[in-house]
Each structure stands twice: as C-alpha cells, then as structure tokens.
Amino acid sequence: MAVFLEFSLFSLPFLAYLLWWRLMGRKPGHEPSQRIVMLAAIGVVCAVAGAAYYGLSRSFERGEKYVPARIEGGVILRGEGVAR
C-alpha cells in the first residue's frame, strides 16, 4: 500500500500536466505563461542548490567511516562518521 501511495504522489505532477495539456494544449495561444515558466525554473534551481548544500554539509571528513544506526540500551543511536 505504501508503494502505491509513493507512486501516486510521484506521478501527481505529471498527471496534472497531462490533464492541462489535454484540456488547453491543443488550442493555439494556450501555452503556459512566461511567469509560470520562470517560477518553475527558479524552483528547479532552488531544489538543486538545496540538494547540493545538503549533500556537501552532511559529508564525512577524509578518513572517517560510517557507523550505521544501532540500538543500545533500548535507545536508538543515529548513524555517524567516526575516525578509523
């Protein structure tokens, strides 16, 4: 059930675009406005920049190894990087 929900949420923007294209795309002059295209481009740039920042801020230093999350004494300890 969770896989179906994830797939549905993933495909929702594509289905919305397909619906828009089928309803409005065939009529001349019904392209998306330049404002919408610019906002979408800004959103993509922000998403890529955020992903790059997150990836660079969560990286390990040279020589560290990953210790996965574990349970000790009934408490979940998150994964971390430790020196070798």
Protein backbone atom coordinates (compact mmCIF):
# COMPACT_ATOMS: atom_id res chain seq x y z
CA MET A 1 0.00 0.00 0.00
CA ALA A 2 2.85 2.38 0.82
CA VAL A 3 4.42 1.78 -2.58
CA PHE A 4 1.16 2.71 -4.27
CA LEU A 5 0.94 5.90 -2.21
CA GLU A 6 4.53 6.86 -3.05
CA PHE A 7 3.98 6.18 -6.74
CA SER A 8 0.75 8.19 -6.67
CA LEU A 9 2.46 11.18 -5.06
CA PHE A 10 5.35 10.92 -7.54
CA SER A 11 3.08 10.77 -10.58
CA LEU A 12 0.67 13.51 -9.46
CA PRO A 13 2.56 16.45 -11.09
CA PHE A 14 2.90 14.52 -14.35
CA LEU A 15 -0.79 13.69 -14.38
CA ALA A 16 -1.68 17.32 -13.66
CA TYR A 17 0.47 18.45 -16.60
CA LEU A 18 -1.10 15.81 -18.85
CA LEU A 19 -4.56 16.98 -17.85
CA TRP A 20 -3.63 20.60 -18.54
CA TRP A 21 -2.08 19.67 -21.88
CA ARG A 22 -5.13 17.68 -22.96
CA LEU A 23 -7.58 20.42 -21.96
CA MET A 24 -5.66 23.54 -23.03
CA GLY A 25 -2.64 22.43 -25.02
CA ARG A 26 -4.40 21.88 -28.33
CA LYS A 27 -5.79 25.38 -28.58
CA PRO A 28 -3.47 27.94 -30.14
CA GLY A 29 -2.20 30.55 -27.73
CA HIS A 30 -2.66 28.47 -24.58
CA GLU A 31 0.96 27.88 -23.70
CA PRO A 32 1.99 28.37 -20.08
CA SER A 33 2.68 31.99 -19.26
CA GLN A 34 6.26 33.19 -19.01
CA ARG A 35 5.71 33.89 -15.31
CA ILE A 36 4.87 30.25 -14.64
CA VAL A 37 7.86 29.05 -16.64
CA MET A 38 10.19 31.40 -14.75
CA LEU A 39 8.76 30.34 -11.38
CA ALA A 40 9.23 26.68 -12.31
CA ALA A 41 12.82 27.35 -13.37
CA ILE A 42 13.51 29.20 -10.10
CA GLY A 43 12.02 26.26 -8.20
CA VAL A 44 14.25 23.77 -10.00
CA VAL A 45 17.35 25.89 -9.34
CA CYS A 46 16.43 26.20 -5.65
CA ALA A 47 15.84 22.45 -5.36
CA VAL A 48 19.19 21.59 -6.97
CA ALA A 49 21.01 24.17 -4.83
CA GLY A 50 19.36 22.83 -1.68
CA ALA A 51 20.24 19.25 -2.55
CA ALA A 52 23.86 20.22 -3.26
CA TYR A 53 24.11 22.17 0.01
CA TYR A 54 22.62 19.31 1.99
CA GLY A 55 24.92 16.77 0.37
CA LEU A 56 28.02 18.86 1.00
CA SER A 57 27.08 19.72 4.58
CA ARG A 58 26.41 16.09 5.55
CA SER A 59 29.58 14.60 4.08
CA PHE A 60 32.28 12.92 6.14
CA GLU A 61 35.82 14.14 6.52
CA ARG A 62 38.60 12.23 4.80
CA GLY A 63 39.48 9.09 6.77
CA GLU A 64 36.12 8.70 8.52
CA LYS A 65 33.97 5.62 8.19
CA TYR A 66 30.23 5.29 8.56
CA VAL A 67 28.82 3.54 11.62
CA PRO A 68 25.16 2.68 10.96
CA ALA A 69 22.31 3.43 13.35
CA ARG A 70 22.03 0.98 16.24
CA ILE A 71 20.06 0.25 19.38
CA GLU A 72 21.90 0.40 22.70
CA GLY A 73 20.05 0.05 25.98
CA GLY A 74 16.68 0.48 24.30
CA VAL A 75 17.70 3.81 22.76
CA ILE A 76 18.19 4.33 19.02
CA LEU A 77 21.53 5.95 18.26
CA ARG A 78 21.73 7.59 14.85
CA GLY A 79 24.40 6.74 12.32
CA GLU A 80 27.60 8.76 12.41
CA GLY A 81 31.04 9.09 10.97
CA VAL A 82 33.94 8.07 13.21
CA ALA A 83 37.69 8.21 12.71
CA ARG A 84 39.26 4.95 11.61
